[in-house]
Amino acid sequence: MNTSGGRWQNFQANFTKYAGKIAANKLLLTLRDSFIIVAATSMIAGFAIMIQNVFVDPTNGLIFGKQGFGLGRMIAGSWSAWEKSGLFNGLTSTGNLIGLVSNGSLNTFAVLLVVIFSHTFSRKYFPKSKEHMTSVLYALGAFFICMPWKFQYTPADSKKAIDILNYMDTTFFGTKGVFAALLISGFAVWIYNKILQRNITIKMPDSVPPAVARSFESLIPGVCTMGVFIILTGISTTFTGETMPELLLTLLQKPALAISGTGLFAFVLQTTWSLLQWFGIHPTSIWGPIFGLTWNINDTQNMLGQAHHIFSTLFMNSSTVAAGSCSVSPVLALMLFSKRVAAKKISKIALMPAIFNISEPITFGLPIILNPLYFIPWLVAQPLAFYIGYFFIKIGFIAPIVNNVPWTVPTLISGLLYTGSINGLIVQAVIVIVTTAIYIPFIKVDNKLNPDVEKKTVVDAAKQELAK
């Protein structure tokens, strides 16, 4: 018994140690921080698209559309009259204007990533640099040097594609250019700063203003950096017929997205997510960079209508985090079935945060983290919630998630907004019921193993007094 306990403690210590080292890796932190910052613009665009799809869309929206409350038909008397009404046209125009938000965020995702990643990379790897924004400028220059400056276009009245020369293929500004944005900008920052560190620069007299001096100081490293990417572009196009972004898309991004679209990837992600949380390690610190290169791309493509991926961070949030599998479910189970005074008090305190999908009060307060009694329900609840959502998409009850909803929106309401349909609310209700039920047997075991001894002693003493 002692031996197994010692093995468990060693496993726990080693797992926490190595997972902590991975989470603290400088490159992973750089990637995570970059994606978090860029995600701010994606969230704004996602929120705008949600308003467009759920509230403004006169055809399929939740308020006016056929799939929702059907207010359009009620206003106009029939669907055909609604489609000819001025309000219908006004809502359509409004929706188109709201959709323009995507042009400044989702459609330029890779360009924004170049700026943020190169700046973050420079700060973390070259903290002594006098001006990190100069690194950003040369990273942007390198990215545009490597971009495809031609593409094929098929006119509406023709079946044959024609080559468009001397115009940039702007599709690589979006999700197609993510891997290129990271690798090219990171390499550009590294080259520039390494040359700068060797003092291969133009030195200006002390009388020259610092800003001007730094500009001249950056010239030789900058020219060398740009020159490297001109050479690399020449090599790439000569030997492969593709520019570097096209080549990276073929060799890296497409295989990564293909792997991330498999059931095995989703299963590993969901189970390790719960496992890391149980050990007190925030899963985003490890999975965040991987999301940025895989499921976040799926999010963007779904929101832009370019694809209909089932597996995405939007879907994970809608089926697990926002569905309350980590917050609402354990709190409800404790409130309804726990007989322990302390557990009930904690569940009451944790209820309000849980409504907004904040799980820390219950996971650290009960605690669930590092508590062997709740290991199984905690490990099972999230993957089960994920696959319940997956089942309802596969049978066509709800569509793949395209609306970006803040994860703190309360359960059930978020289901309505994520899907733009009452069916999303029903799916989240099923998830809450099922994942709450998982905790019940373990709470009953907890009641037996950890009874309120003090309360029982008081009751027994009172009974003895009455007997006398």
Protein backbone atom coordinates (compact mmCIF):
# COMPACT_ATOMS: atom_id res chain seq x y z
CA MET A 1 0.00 0.00 0.00
CA ASN A 2 2.81 2.35 0.92
CA THR A 3 4.67 1.35 -2.25
CA SER A 4 1.74 2.23 -4.52
CA GLY A 5 1.30 5.52 -2.65
CA GLY A 6 4.96 6.33 -3.17
CA ARG A 7 4.74 5.51 -6.87
CA TRP A 8 1.72 7.74 -7.23
CA GLN A 9 3.50 10.62 -5.52
CA ASN A 10 6.55 10.13 -7.77
CA PHE A 11 4.35 10.07 -10.88
CA GLN A 12 2.53 13.20 -9.71
CA ALA A 13 5.78 15.03 -8.99
CA ASN A 14 7.40 14.03 -12.31
CA PHE A 15 4.31 14.81 -14.38
CA THR A 16 3.98 18.24 -12.80
CA LYS A 17 7.71 18.87 -13.23
CA TYR A 18 7.90 18.01 -16.94
CA ALA A 19 4.54 19.58 -17.83
CA GLY A 20 5.71 22.74 -16.06
CA LYS A 21 8.91 22.76 -18.10
CA ILE A 22 6.94 22.44 -21.35
CA ALA A 23 4.56 25.19 -20.27
CA ALA A 24 7.53 27.45 -19.43
CA ASN A 25 9.28 26.90 -22.78
CA LYS A 26 10.23 30.29 -24.22
CA LEU A 27 9.11 29.52 -27.78
CA LEU A 28 5.75 28.14 -26.63
CA LEU A 29 5.25 31.21 -24.45
CA THR A 30 6.08 33.44 -27.42
CA LEU A 31 3.59 31.63 -29.62
CA ARG A 32 0.92 31.60 -26.92
CA ASP A 33 1.29 35.31 -26.14
CA SER A 34 1.23 36.21 -29.84
CA PHE A 35 -1.94 34.25 -30.57
CA ILE A 36 -3.64 35.67 -27.47
CA ILE A 37 -2.94 39.24 -28.60
CA VAL A 38 -4.00 38.63 -32.20
CA ALA A 39 -7.09 36.83 -30.92
CA ALA A 40 -8.40 40.17 -29.64
CA THR A 41 -9.11 41.33 -33.20
CA SER A 42 -10.56 37.91 -34.05
CA MET A 43 -12.89 38.15 -31.06
CA ILE A 44 -14.14 41.54 -32.22
CA ALA A 45 -14.75 40.16 -35.71
CA GLY A 46 -16.36 37.04 -34.27
CA PHE A 47 -18.64 39.14 -32.10
CA ALA A 48 -19.63 41.22 -35.15
CA ILE A 49 -20.29 38.07 -37.19
CA MET A 50 -22.38 36.65 -34.35
CA ILE A 51 -24.52 39.82 -34.30
CA GLN A 52 -24.81 39.60 -38.07
CA ASN A 53 -25.78 35.90 -38.11
CA VAL A 54 -27.97 35.78 -35.00
CA PHE A 55 -29.66 39.17 -34.69
CA VAL A 56 -29.41 40.96 -38.06
CA ASP A 57 -29.65 38.23 -40.71
CA PRO A 58 -33.22 38.56 -42.07
CA THR A 59 -33.22 35.12 -43.71
CA ASN A 60 -31.61 32.66 -41.28
CA GLY A 61 -31.10 34.73 -38.12
CA LEU A 62 -32.49 33.81 -34.71
CA ILE A 63 -34.77 36.85 -34.47
CA PHE A 64 -36.19 37.33 -37.98
CA GLY A 65 -35.28 34.13 -39.84
CA LYS A 66 -37.03 30.86 -40.56
CA GLN A 67 -34.77 28.89 -38.21
CA GLY A 68 -35.43 31.21 -35.28
CA PHE A 69 -38.42 33.05 -33.91
CA GLY A 70 -39.68 33.98 -37.38
CA LEU A 71 -40.35 37.61 -36.52
CA GLY A 72 -39.95 38.57 -40.18
CA ARG A 73 -43.04 36.64 -41.25
CA MET A 74 -44.98 38.01 -38.29
CA ILE A 75 -44.13 41.58 -39.31
CA ALA A 76 -44.82 41.20 -43.04
CA GLY A 77 -47.51 38.53 -43.01
CA SER A 78 -45.62 36.03 -45.16
CA TRP A 79 -42.07 35.09 -46.05
CA SER A 80 -42.40 36.37 -49.62
CA ALA A 81 -43.70 39.75 -48.40
CA TRP A 82 -40.90 39.88 -45.82
CA GLU A 83 -38.22 39.40 -48.50
CA LYS A 84 -39.63 42.40 -50.41
CA SER A 85 -39.93 44.68 -47.40
CA GLY A 86 -37.76 47.70 -46.68
CA LEU A 87 -36.77 46.33 -43.28
CA PHE A 88 -35.47 43.15 -44.93
CA ASN A 89 -33.29 45.20 -47.30
CA GLY A 90 -32.16 47.45 -44.46
CA LEU A 91 -31.12 44.49 -42.33
CA THR A 92 -29.28 42.96 -45.30
CA SER A 93 -27.32 46.19 -45.86
CA THR A 94 -26.56 46.47 -42.16
CA GLY A 95 -25.30 42.90 -42.11
CA ASN A 96 -23.01 43.58 -45.06
CA LEU A 97 -21.54 46.60 -43.29
CA ILE A 98 -20.97 44.61 -40.09
CA GLY A 99 -19.24 41.96 -42.18
CA LEU A 100 -16.58 44.51 -43.18
CA VAL A 101 -15.05 44.06 -39.72
CA SER A 102 -13.55 40.84 -41.07
CA ASN A 103 -11.43 42.80 -43.56
CA GLY A 104 -9.49 44.41 -40.72
CA SER A 105 -9.04 41.25 -38.68
CA LEU A 106 -9.76 37.76 -40.00
CA ASN A 107 -8.77 38.49 -43.61
CA THR A 108 -5.46 40.01 -42.44
CA PHE A 109 -4.78 37.47 -39.69
CA ALA A 110 -1.33 36.45 -40.99
CA VAL A 111 -0.16 40.06 -41.41
CA LEU A 112 -1.25 40.91 -37.86
CA LEU A 113 0.53 37.77 -36.67
CA VAL A 114 3.78 38.88 -38.36
CA VAL A 115 3.68 42.16 -36.42
CA ILE A 116 2.78 40.69 -33.04
CA PHE A 117 4.95 37.56 -33.24
CA SER A 118 8.06 39.40 -34.46
CA HIS A 119 7.71 41.99 -31.69
CA THR A 120 7.12 39.34 -29.01
CA PHE A 121 9.94 37.17 -30.36
CA SER A 122 12.33 40.14 -30.32
CA ARG A 123 11.43 41.05 -26.73
CA LYS A 124 11.81 37.52 -25.39
CA TYR A 125 14.92 36.41 -27.29
CA PHE A 126 16.73 39.74 -27.67
CA PRO A 127 15.75 41.76 -24.57
CA LYS A 128 18.78 44.06 -24.88
CA SER A 129 17.70 45.34 -28.30
CA LYS A 130 17.28 49.13 -28.29
CA GLU A 131 14.31 49.18 -30.66
CA HIS A 132 12.09 46.11 -31.11
CA MET A 133 9.86 47.83 -33.66
CA THR A 134 12.75 47.90 -36.12
CA SER A 135 12.75 44.11 -36.00
CA VAL A 136 9.03 44.23 -36.81
CA LEU A 137 9.64 46.41 -39.88
CA TYR A 138 12.19 44.02 -41.36
CA ALA A 139 10.01 41.00 -40.50
CA LEU A 140 7.16 42.62 -42.44
CA GLY A 141 9.54 43.40 -45.31
CA ALA A 142 10.71 39.78 -45.40
CA PHE A 143 7.13 38.52 -45.37
CA PHE A 144 6.11 40.69 -48.34
CA ILE A 145 9.29 39.75 -50.26
CA CYS A 146 8.30 36.09 -49.95
CA MET A 147 4.63 36.58 -50.84
CA PRO A 148 3.30 35.28 -54.19
CA TRP A 149 3.10 38.30 -56.52
CA LYS A 150 0.97 36.49 -59.04
CA PHE A 151 -2.14 34.36 -58.95
CA GLN A 152 -4.67 32.75 -61.25
CA TYR A 153 -8.14 34.19 -61.78
CA THR A 154 -11.07 32.74 -63.70
CA PRO A 155 -13.45 35.40 -65.10
CA ALA A 156 -17.19 34.82 -64.70
CA ASP A 157 -17.73 34.34 -68.46
CA SER A 158 -14.73 32.08 -68.98
CA LYS A 159 -13.73 28.53 -68.04
CA LYS A 160 -10.02 29.17 -68.47
CA ALA A 161 -7.92 30.69 -65.67
CA ILE A 162 -5.59 33.58 -66.53
CA ASP A 163 -2.39 34.60 -64.76
CA ILE A 164 -2.52 37.90 -62.87
CA LEU A 165 1.02 39.29 -62.64
CA ASN A 166 2.51 41.96 -60.35
CA TYR A 167 -0.44 41.76 -57.96
CA MET A 168 -0.12 40.12 -54.57
CA ASP A 169 -2.12 36.99 -53.76
CA THR A 170 -3.89 38.47 -50.72
CA THR A 171 -5.39 35.13 -49.69
CA PHE A 172 -2.07 34.59 -47.87
CA PHE A 173 -2.88 37.60 -45.69
CA GLY A 174 -5.42 35.38 -43.94
CA THR A 175 -5.34 31.84 -42.60
CA LYS A 176 -3.36 30.44 -45.55
CA GLY A 177 -0.31 32.45 -44.47
CA VAL A 178 -0.16 31.54 -40.77
CA PHE A 179 2.82 29.17 -40.91
CA ALA A 180 4.63 31.48 -43.31
CA ALA A 181 3.99 34.45 -41.02
CA LEU A 182 5.51 32.68 -38.02
CA LEU A 183 8.54 31.09 -39.68
CA ILE A 184 9.50 34.00 -41.93
CA SER A 185 9.06 36.70 -39.28
CA GLY A 186 10.83 34.66 -36.58
CA PHE A 187 13.78 33.90 -38.87
CA ALA A 188 13.96 37.54 -40.02
CA VAL A 189 14.08 38.82 -36.42
CA TRP A 190 16.77 36.27 -35.56
CA ILE A 191 18.98 37.20 -38.56
CA TYR A 192 18.59 40.94 -37.98
CA ASN A 193 19.42 40.83 -34.27
CA LYS A 194 22.32 38.40 -34.64
CA ILE A 195 24.00 40.76 -37.13
CA LEU A 196 23.20 43.70 -34.86
CA GLN A 197 24.81 41.94 -31.89
CA ARG A 198 28.03 41.54 -33.86
CA ASN A 199 28.14 45.34 -34.26
CA ILE A 200 28.12 45.14 -38.06
CA THR A 201 26.48 48.54 -38.22
CA ILE A 202 26.94 52.14 -39.30
CA LYS A 203 28.10 54.16 -36.29
CA MET A 204 26.93 57.75 -36.05
CA PRO A 205 28.49 60.53 -33.92
CA ASP A 206 27.07 61.17 -30.45
CA SER A 207 25.68 64.49 -31.65
CA VAL A 208 23.17 62.70 -33.91
CA PRO A 209 19.70 62.27 -32.32
CA PRO A 210 19.17 58.71 -30.98
CA ALA A 211 16.22 57.95 -33.30
CA VAL A 212 18.25 58.91 -36.38
CA ALA A 213 21.29 56.98 -35.11
CA ARG A 214 19.20 53.82 -34.60
CA SER A 215 17.83 54.15 -38.15
CA PHE A 216 21.34 54.21 -39.63
CA GLU A 217 22.44 51.48 -37.23
CA SER A 218 19.75 49.17 -38.61
CA LEU A 219 20.65 49.65 -42.28
CA ILE A 220 23.33 46.96 -42.72
CA PRO A 221 21.52 44.29 -40.62
CA GLY A 222 18.28 45.21 -42.41
CA VAL A 223 19.78 44.96 -45.89
CA CYS A 224 21.32 41.59 -45.01
CA THR A 225 18.01 40.34 -43.64
CA MET A 226 16.07 41.39 -46.73
CA GLY A 227 18.81 39.96 -48.96
CA VAL A 228 18.57 36.54 -47.30
CA PHE A 229 14.86 36.33 -48.08
CA ILE A 230 15.36 37.47 -51.66
CA ILE A 231 17.82 34.59 -52.08
CA LEU A 232 15.49 32.11 -50.33
CA THR A 233 12.59 33.20 -52.55
CA GLY A 234 14.75 32.74 -55.65
CA ILE A 235 15.80 29.25 -54.53
CA SER A 236 12.22 28.28 -53.66
CA THR A 237 10.70 29.43 -56.93
CA THR A 238 13.54 28.02 -59.03
CA PHE A 239 13.55 24.50 -57.59
CA THR A 240 9.89 24.05 -56.60
CA GLY A 241 7.98 26.55 -58.73
CA GLU A 242 6.37 27.90 -55.55
CA THR A 243 7.08 30.85 -53.28
CA MET A 244 7.90 30.18 -49.63
CA PRO A 245 4.35 30.80 -48.29
CA GLU A 246 2.96 28.42 -50.94
CA LEU A 247 5.62 25.83 -50.10
CA LEU A 248 5.05 26.11 -46.34
CA LEU A 249 1.32 25.79 -46.88
CA THR A 250 1.85 22.56 -48.79
CA LEU A 251 4.53 21.02 -46.56
CA LEU A 252 3.45 22.14 -43.07
CA GLN A 253 0.11 23.87 -42.74
CA LYS A 254 -2.05 21.47 -44.72
CA PRO A 255 -0.67 18.34 -42.96
CA ALA A 256 -1.06 20.03 -39.54
CA LEU A 257 -4.67 20.95 -40.29
CA ALA A 258 -5.34 17.46 -41.62
CA ILE A 259 -4.03 15.89 -38.41
CA SER A 260 -5.99 18.34 -36.25
CA GLY A 261 -9.18 17.34 -38.06
CA THR A 262 -8.93 13.72 -36.94
CA GLY A 263 -10.87 12.13 -34.10
CA LEU A 264 -7.64 10.93 -32.48
CA PHE A 265 -6.29 14.49 -32.22
CA ALA A 266 -9.56 15.66 -30.66
CA PHE A 267 -9.59 12.77 -28.17
CA VAL A 268 -6.01 13.34 -27.06
CA LEU A 269 -6.66 17.07 -26.72
CA GLN A 270 -9.80 16.70 -24.60
CA THR A 271 -8.43 14.04 -22.26
CA THR A 272 -5.08 15.75 -21.69
CA TRP A 273 -6.88 19.09 -21.21
CA SER A 274 -8.76 17.64 -18.23
CA LEU A 275 -5.70 15.79 -16.98
CA LEU A 276 -3.53 18.93 -16.97
CA GLN A 277 -6.25 20.87 -15.14
CA TRP A 278 -6.52 18.15 -12.51
CA PHE A 279 -2.80 18.52 -11.83
CA GLY A 280 -3.26 22.30 -11.48
CA ILE A 281 -1.58 23.17 -14.80
CA HIS A 282 -3.49 25.54 -17.07
CA PRO A 283 -3.98 23.63 -20.36
CA THR A 284 -3.81 26.78 -22.48
CA SER A 285 -0.13 27.18 -21.63
CA ILE A 286 0.59 23.95 -23.55
CA TRP A 287 -2.29 23.65 -26.00
CA GLY A 288 -2.61 27.38 -26.80
CA PRO A 289 0.20 27.49 -29.39
CA ILE A 290 -1.08 24.27 -30.99
CA PHE A 291 -4.57 25.77 -31.21
CA GLY A 292 -3.10 28.82 -32.90
CA LEU A 293 -1.66 26.65 -35.67
CA THR A 294 -4.69 24.38 -36.08
CA TRP A 295 -8.17 24.89 -34.62
CA ASN A 296 -7.91 28.69 -34.52
CA ILE A 297 -7.41 28.58 -38.28
CA ASN A 298 -10.56 26.46 -38.51
CA ASP A 299 -12.38 29.09 -36.43
CA THR A 300 -11.42 31.84 -38.84
CA GLN A 301 -12.39 29.84 -41.92
CA ASN A 302 -15.75 28.96 -40.34
CA MET A 303 -16.48 32.57 -39.43
CA LEU A 304 -15.60 33.75 -42.94
CA GLY A 305 -17.76 31.04 -44.50
CA GLN A 306 -14.74 29.50 -46.24
CA ALA A 307 -15.28 26.08 -44.60
CA HIS A 308 -17.50 24.18 -42.17
CA HIS A 309 -15.05 22.48 -39.82
CA ILE A 310 -16.57 20.57 -36.93
CA PHE A 311 -13.40 20.54 -34.86
CA SER A 312 -12.48 24.07 -33.80
CA THR A 313 -11.91 26.04 -30.62
CA LEU A 314 -15.34 27.61 -31.12
CA PHE A 315 -16.90 24.16 -31.06
CA MET A 316 -14.83 23.10 -28.04
CA ASN A 317 -15.89 26.20 -26.12
CA SER A 318 -19.55 25.78 -27.04
CA SER A 319 -19.65 22.09 -26.09
CA THR A 320 -17.40 22.06 -23.00
CA VAL A 321 -16.38 25.37 -21.40
CA ALA A 322 -19.53 27.37 -22.21
CA ALA A 323 -21.67 24.25 -21.72
CA GLY A 324 -20.63 24.18 -18.07
CA SER A 325 -19.00 20.74 -18.01
CA CYS A 326 -16.09 22.14 -15.93
CA SER A 327 -18.03 24.66 -13.83
CA VAL A 328 -21.82 24.38 -13.71
CA SER A 329 -22.02 20.58 -13.59
CA PRO A 330 -19.88 19.89 -10.48
CA VAL A 331 -21.49 22.81 -8.64
CA LEU A 332 -25.03 21.61 -9.39
CA ALA A 333 -24.15 18.05 -8.41
CA LEU A 334 -22.74 19.21 -5.06
CA MET A 335 -25.68 21.49 -4.32
CA LEU A 336 -28.19 18.73 -5.03
CA PHE A 337 -26.51 15.62 -3.65
CA SER A 338 -23.76 16.51 -1.20
CA LYS A 339 -24.55 16.08 2.50
CA ARG A 340 -21.37 17.73 3.67
CA VAL A 341 -21.85 21.22 5.10
CA ALA A 342 -18.46 22.48 3.87
CA ALA A 343 -19.03 21.17 0.33
CA LYS A 344 -22.47 22.78 0.16
CA LYS A 345 -21.08 26.12 1.34
CA ILE A 346 -18.33 25.98 -1.29
CA SER A 347 -20.85 25.09 -4.01
CA LYS A 348 -23.01 28.10 -3.04
CA ILE A 349 -19.98 30.39 -3.21
CA ALA A 350 -18.91 28.87 -6.53
CA LEU A 351 -22.39 29.04 -8.11
CA MET A 352 -22.25 32.61 -9.40
CA PRO A 353 -18.77 32.25 -10.99
CA ALA A 354 -19.89 28.89 -12.44
CA ILE A 355 -22.85 30.55 -14.14
CA PHE A 356 -20.26 32.58 -16.06
CA ASN A 357 -18.15 29.44 -16.73
CA ILE A 358 -15.42 30.24 -14.20
CA SER A 359 -14.39 26.95 -12.61
CA GLU A 360 -11.54 27.97 -10.27
CA PRO A 361 -13.71 28.48 -7.13
CA ILE A 362 -14.95 24.90 -7.26
CA THR A 363 -11.78 23.25 -8.61
CA PHE A 364 -9.52 24.86 -5.99
CA GLY A 365 -12.14 25.33 -3.27
CA LEU A 366 -13.58 21.82 -2.95
CA PRO A 367 -10.90 20.94 -4.16
CA ILE A 368 -11.20 18.88 -7.33
CA ILE A 369 -7.57 19.49 -8.30
CA LEU A 370 -5.32 16.69 -7.03
CA ASN A 371 -8.34 15.09 -5.30
CA PRO A 372 -8.32 11.34 -6.19
CA LEU A 373 -12.02 11.05 -5.39
CA TYR A 374 -13.03 13.38 -8.23
CA PHE A 375 -10.34 12.33 -10.71
CA ILE A 376 -12.62 10.10 -12.81
CA PRO A 377 -15.62 12.45 -13.20
CA TRP A 378 -13.33 15.40 -13.89
CA LEU A 379 -11.37 13.46 -16.50
CA VAL A 380 -14.52 12.09 -18.17
CA ALA A 381 -16.87 15.10 -18.11
CA GLN A 382 -15.13 17.32 -20.67
CA PRO A 383 -14.48 14.68 -23.37
CA LEU A 384 -18.03 13.40 -22.91
CA ALA A 385 -19.47 16.90 -23.30
CA PHE A 386 -17.32 17.38 -26.41
CA TYR A 387 -18.59 14.20 -28.04
CA ILE A 388 -22.21 14.89 -27.13
CA GLY A 389 -21.87 18.14 -29.08
CA TYR A 390 -20.11 16.27 -31.88
CA PHE A 391 -22.97 13.75 -32.05
CA PHE A 392 -25.59 16.47 -32.43
CA ILE A 393 -23.60 18.08 -35.26
CA LYS A 394 -23.16 14.76 -37.06
CA ILE A 395 -26.91 14.03 -37.01
CA GLY A 396 -27.63 17.55 -38.27
CA PHE A 397 -29.39 18.79 -35.13
CA ILE A 398 -27.01 21.76 -35.01
CA ALA A 399 -24.60 23.08 -37.64
CA PRO A 400 -20.80 23.50 -37.25
CA ILE A 401 -20.13 26.52 -35.02
CA VAL A 402 -19.47 29.77 -36.89
CA ASN A 403 -20.29 32.38 -34.22
CA ASN A 404 -17.61 33.57 -31.81
CA VAL A 405 -19.23 34.07 -28.41
CA PRO A 406 -17.31 35.19 -25.29
CA TRP A 407 -16.72 32.08 -23.17
CA THR A 408 -18.08 33.86 -20.08
CA VAL A 409 -21.62 34.05 -21.53
CA PRO A 410 -23.79 31.85 -19.26
CA THR A 411 -24.56 28.27 -20.25
CA LEU A 412 -27.73 27.77 -22.34
CA ILE A 413 -27.66 31.42 -23.45
CA SER A 414 -24.28 30.77 -25.07
CA GLY A 415 -25.72 27.69 -26.81
CA LEU A 416 -28.35 29.92 -28.34
CA LEU A 417 -25.75 32.43 -29.54
CA TYR A 418 -23.11 29.95 -30.74
CA THR A 419 -25.58 28.19 -33.01
CA GLY A 420 -28.11 30.96 -33.65
CA SER A 421 -30.77 28.37 -32.91
CA ILE A 422 -32.85 27.08 -30.00
CA ASN A 423 -31.29 23.69 -30.76
CA GLY A 424 -27.98 24.95 -29.37
CA LEU A 425 -29.66 25.65 -26.04
CA ILE A 426 -31.12 22.12 -26.02
CA VAL A 427 -27.71 20.56 -26.72
CA GLN A 428 -26.10 22.46 -23.83
CA ALA A 429 -28.98 21.45 -21.53
CA VAL A 430 -28.35 17.78 -22.39
CA ILE A 431 -24.62 18.26 -21.71
CA VAL A 432 -25.28 19.85 -18.31
CA ILE A 433 -27.66 17.04 -17.29
CA VAL A 434 -25.33 14.23 -18.39
CA THR A 435 -22.12 15.71 -16.95
CA THR A 436 -23.88 16.58 -13.68
CA ALA A 437 -25.06 12.96 -13.39
CA ILE A 438 -21.46 11.73 -13.70
CA TYR A 439 -20.53 13.41 -10.41
CA ILE A 440 -23.43 11.96 -8.38
CA PRO A 441 -21.92 8.51 -7.51
CA PHE A 442 -18.64 10.12 -6.46
CA ILE A 443 -20.39 12.73 -4.32
CA LYS A 444 -22.26 9.92 -2.56
CA VAL A 445 -18.94 8.17 -1.91
CA ASP A 446 -17.61 11.47 -0.56
CA ASN A 447 -20.60 11.68 1.78
CA LYS A 448 -19.71 8.27 3.22
CA LEU A 449 -15.94 8.73 3.39
CA ASN A 450 -16.00 12.26 4.79
CA PRO A 451 -19.13 12.61 6.93
CA ASP A 452 -19.61 15.73 9.03
CA VAL A 453 -18.31 14.15 12.24
CA GLU A 454 -18.86 17.22 14.37
CA LYS A 455 -22.48 17.53 13.31
CA LYS A 456 -23.04 13.82 13.92
CA THR A 457 -21.50 14.09 17.41
CA VAL A 458 -23.78 16.99 18.32
CA VAL A 459 -26.84 15.09 17.14
CA ASP A 460 -25.80 11.99 19.11
CA ALA A 461 -25.26 14.07 22.25
CA ALA A 462 -28.69 15.66 21.85
CA LYS A 463 -30.26 12.23 21.50
CA GLN A 464 -28.54 11.05 24.68
CA GLU A 465 -29.81 14.09 26.59
CA LEU A 466 -33.36 13.41 25.42
CA ALA A 467 -33.02 9.78 26.44
CA LYS A 468 -32.06 10.81 29.99
